[in-house]
């Protein structure tokens, strides 16, 4: 059980940095920070929202 929680925590950190770097690369540093904050606060919902908005460009 603890191993699963640690794995999910590590995956969320990796996802957070991926969103930040991807958004910064495509739209500028300020937007990358904003998206990273959204993903940090909303978790999977924020990540899915980023993927939807990212693919609409």
N, C-alpha and C. Protein backbone atom coordinates (compact mmCIF):
# COMPACT_ATOMS: atom_id res chain seq x y z
N UNK A 1 0.82 -1.19 0.00
CA UNK A 1 0.00 0.00 0.00
C UNK A 1 0.87 1.26 0.00
N UNK A 2 1.89 1.27 0.84
CA UNK A 2 2.77 2.43 0.92
C UNK A 2 3.53 2.60 -0.39
N UNK A 3 3.93 1.50 -1.00
CA UNK A 3 4.66 1.57 -2.27
C UNK A 3 3.80 2.19 -3.37
N UNK A 4 2.52 1.87 -3.38
CA UNK A 4 1.61 2.44 -4.38
C UNK A 4 1.47 3.94 -4.17
N UNK A 5 1.34 4.37 -2.94
CA UNK A 5 1.23 5.81 -2.64
C UNK A 5 2.50 6.56 -3.02
N UNK A 6 3.64 5.97 -2.76
CA UNK A 6 4.91 6.59 -3.14
C UNK A 6 5.02 6.68 -4.66
N UNK A 7 4.62 5.62 -5.35
CA UNK A 7 4.66 5.63 -6.81
C UNK A 7 3.73 6.70 -7.38
N UNK A 8 2.53 6.83 -6.84
CA UNK A 8 1.60 7.87 -7.30
C UNK A 8 2.14 9.27 -7.03
N UNK A 9 2.79 9.45 -5.89
CA UNK A 9 3.38 10.74 -5.56
C UNK A 9 4.50 11.10 -6.53
N UNK A 10 5.35 10.12 -6.84
CA UNK A 10 6.45 10.35 -7.79
C UNK A 10 5.90 10.65 -9.18
N UNK A 11 4.88 9.93 -9.61
CA UNK A 11 4.27 10.18 -10.91
C UNK A 11 3.63 11.57 -10.98
N UNK A 12 3.03 12.01 -9.89
CA UNK A 12 2.43 13.34 -9.89
C UNK A 12 3.50 14.43 -9.98
N UNK A 13 4.63 14.24 -9.33
CA UNK A 13 5.73 15.20 -9.42
C UNK A 13 6.28 15.23 -10.85
N UNK A 14 6.45 14.08 -11.46
CA UNK A 14 6.93 14.01 -12.84
C UNK A 14 5.93 14.69 -13.78
N UNK A 15 4.66 14.42 -13.59
CA UNK A 15 3.62 15.07 -14.41
C UNK A 15 3.61 16.57 -14.24
N UNK A 16 3.80 17.04 -13.03
CA UNK A 16 3.83 18.47 -12.75
C UNK A 16 4.98 19.14 -13.51
N UNK A 17 6.17 18.55 -13.44
CA UNK A 17 7.31 19.12 -14.14
C UNK A 17 7.15 19.01 -15.65
N UNK A 18 6.51 17.95 -16.13
CA UNK A 18 6.27 17.82 -17.56
C UNK A 18 5.34 18.92 -18.06
N UNK A 19 4.26 19.16 -17.33
CA UNK A 19 3.31 20.22 -17.71
C UNK A 19 4.02 21.57 -17.70
N UNK A 20 4.80 21.83 -16.67
CA UNK A 20 5.52 23.10 -16.58
C UNK A 20 6.47 23.30 -17.76
N UNK A 21 7.27 22.28 -18.06
CA UNK A 21 8.23 22.43 -19.14
C UNK A 21 7.55 22.51 -20.51
N UNK A 22 6.51 21.72 -20.72
CA UNK A 22 5.81 21.72 -22.00
C UNK A 22 5.10 23.06 -22.23
N UNK A 23 4.42 23.56 -21.20
CA UNK A 23 3.71 24.83 -21.35
C UNK A 23 4.69 25.99 -21.48
N UNK A 24 5.80 25.95 -20.79
CA UNK A 24 6.80 27.01 -20.89
C UNK A 24 7.42 27.03 -22.28
N UNK A 25 7.66 25.86 -22.82
CA UNK A 25 8.28 25.75 -24.13
C UNK A 25 7.37 26.26 -25.23
N UNK A 26 6.08 25.98 -25.13
CA UNK A 26 5.14 26.34 -26.20
C UNK A 26 4.55 27.73 -26.04
N UNK A 27 4.33 28.18 -24.79
CA UNK A 27 3.57 29.41 -24.59
C UNK A 27 4.28 30.47 -23.77
N UNK A 28 5.45 30.22 -23.28
CA UNK A 28 6.17 31.20 -22.47
C UNK A 28 6.23 30.79 -21.01
N UNK A 29 7.19 31.33 -20.29
CA UNK A 29 7.46 30.91 -18.91
C UNK A 29 6.30 31.21 -17.97
N UNK A 30 5.63 32.35 -18.13
CA UNK A 30 4.55 32.70 -17.20
C UNK A 30 3.38 31.72 -17.29
N UNK A 31 3.04 31.30 -18.49
CA UNK A 31 1.94 30.36 -18.66
C UNK A 31 2.33 28.98 -18.11
N UNK A 32 3.59 28.62 -18.26
CA UNK A 32 4.05 27.34 -17.71
C UNK A 32 3.89 27.28 -16.21
N UNK A 33 4.23 28.37 -15.53
CA UNK A 33 4.07 28.43 -14.07
C UNK A 33 2.60 28.37 -13.68
N UNK A 34 1.76 29.05 -14.45
CA UNK A 34 0.32 29.04 -14.15
C UNK A 34 -0.25 27.63 -14.30
N UNK A 35 0.10 26.95 -15.38
CA UNK A 35 -0.40 25.59 -15.58
C UNK A 35 0.13 24.64 -14.52
N UNK A 36 1.39 24.82 -14.13
CA UNK A 36 1.94 23.97 -13.07
C UNK A 36 1.18 24.18 -11.77
N UNK A 37 0.81 25.42 -11.47
CA UNK A 37 0.03 25.70 -10.27
C UNK A 37 -1.36 25.08 -10.36
N UNK A 38 -1.97 25.16 -11.51
CA UNK A 38 -3.30 24.56 -11.70
C UNK A 38 -3.24 23.05 -11.49
N UNK A 39 -2.23 22.42 -12.07
CA UNK A 39 -2.09 20.96 -11.92
C UNK A 39 -1.78 20.60 -10.47
N UNK A 40 -0.98 21.41 -9.81
CA UNK A 40 -0.66 21.16 -8.40
C UNK A 40 -1.91 21.24 -7.54
N UNK A 41 -2.75 22.23 -7.78
CA UNK A 41 -3.94 22.42 -6.95
C UNK A 41 -5.07 21.45 -7.29
N UNK A 42 -5.26 21.15 -8.57
CA UNK A 42 -6.41 20.34 -8.98
C UNK A 42 -6.07 18.87 -9.24
N UNK A 43 -4.79 18.56 -9.31
CA UNK A 43 -4.38 17.17 -9.51
C UNK A 43 -4.74 16.64 -10.88
N UNK A 44 -5.33 15.46 -10.94
CA UNK A 44 -5.64 14.84 -12.23
C UNK A 44 -6.60 15.66 -13.08
N UNK A 45 -7.50 16.38 -12.47
CA UNK A 45 -8.44 17.22 -13.22
C UNK A 45 -7.67 18.33 -13.94
N UNK A 46 -6.73 18.94 -13.26
CA UNK A 46 -5.90 19.97 -13.88
C UNK A 46 -5.04 19.42 -15.00
N UNK A 47 -4.52 18.21 -14.81
CA UNK A 47 -3.70 17.57 -15.83
C UNK A 47 -4.52 17.29 -17.08
N UNK A 48 -5.72 16.78 -16.90
CA UNK A 48 -6.61 16.51 -18.04
C UNK A 48 -7.00 17.81 -18.73
N UNK A 49 -7.28 18.85 -17.95
CA UNK A 49 -7.61 20.15 -18.54
C UNK A 49 -6.45 20.67 -19.38
N UNK A 50 -5.22 20.52 -18.88
CA UNK A 50 -4.06 20.95 -19.66
C UNK A 50 -3.96 20.19 -20.97
N UNK A 51 -4.17 18.87 -20.93
CA UNK A 51 -4.09 18.08 -22.15
C UNK A 51 -5.14 18.49 -23.17
N UNK A 52 -6.34 18.83 -22.70
CA UNK A 52 -7.41 19.26 -23.60
C UNK A 52 -7.05 20.60 -24.22
N UNK A 53 -6.61 21.55 -23.41
CA UNK A 53 -6.27 22.88 -23.91
C UNK A 53 -5.04 22.81 -24.81
N UNK A 54 -4.10 22.00 -24.46
CA UNK A 54 -2.86 21.86 -25.24
C UNK A 54 -3.16 21.34 -26.62
N UNK A 55 -4.05 20.38 -26.72
CA UNK A 55 -4.36 19.79 -28.03
C UNK A 55 -5.25 20.68 -28.88
N UNK A 56 -5.86 21.69 -28.30
CA UNK A 56 -6.72 22.56 -29.08
C UNK A 56 -5.92 23.59 -29.88
N UNK A 57 -4.63 23.74 -29.59
CA UNK A 57 -3.80 24.71 -30.33
C UNK A 57 -3.33 24.16 -31.64
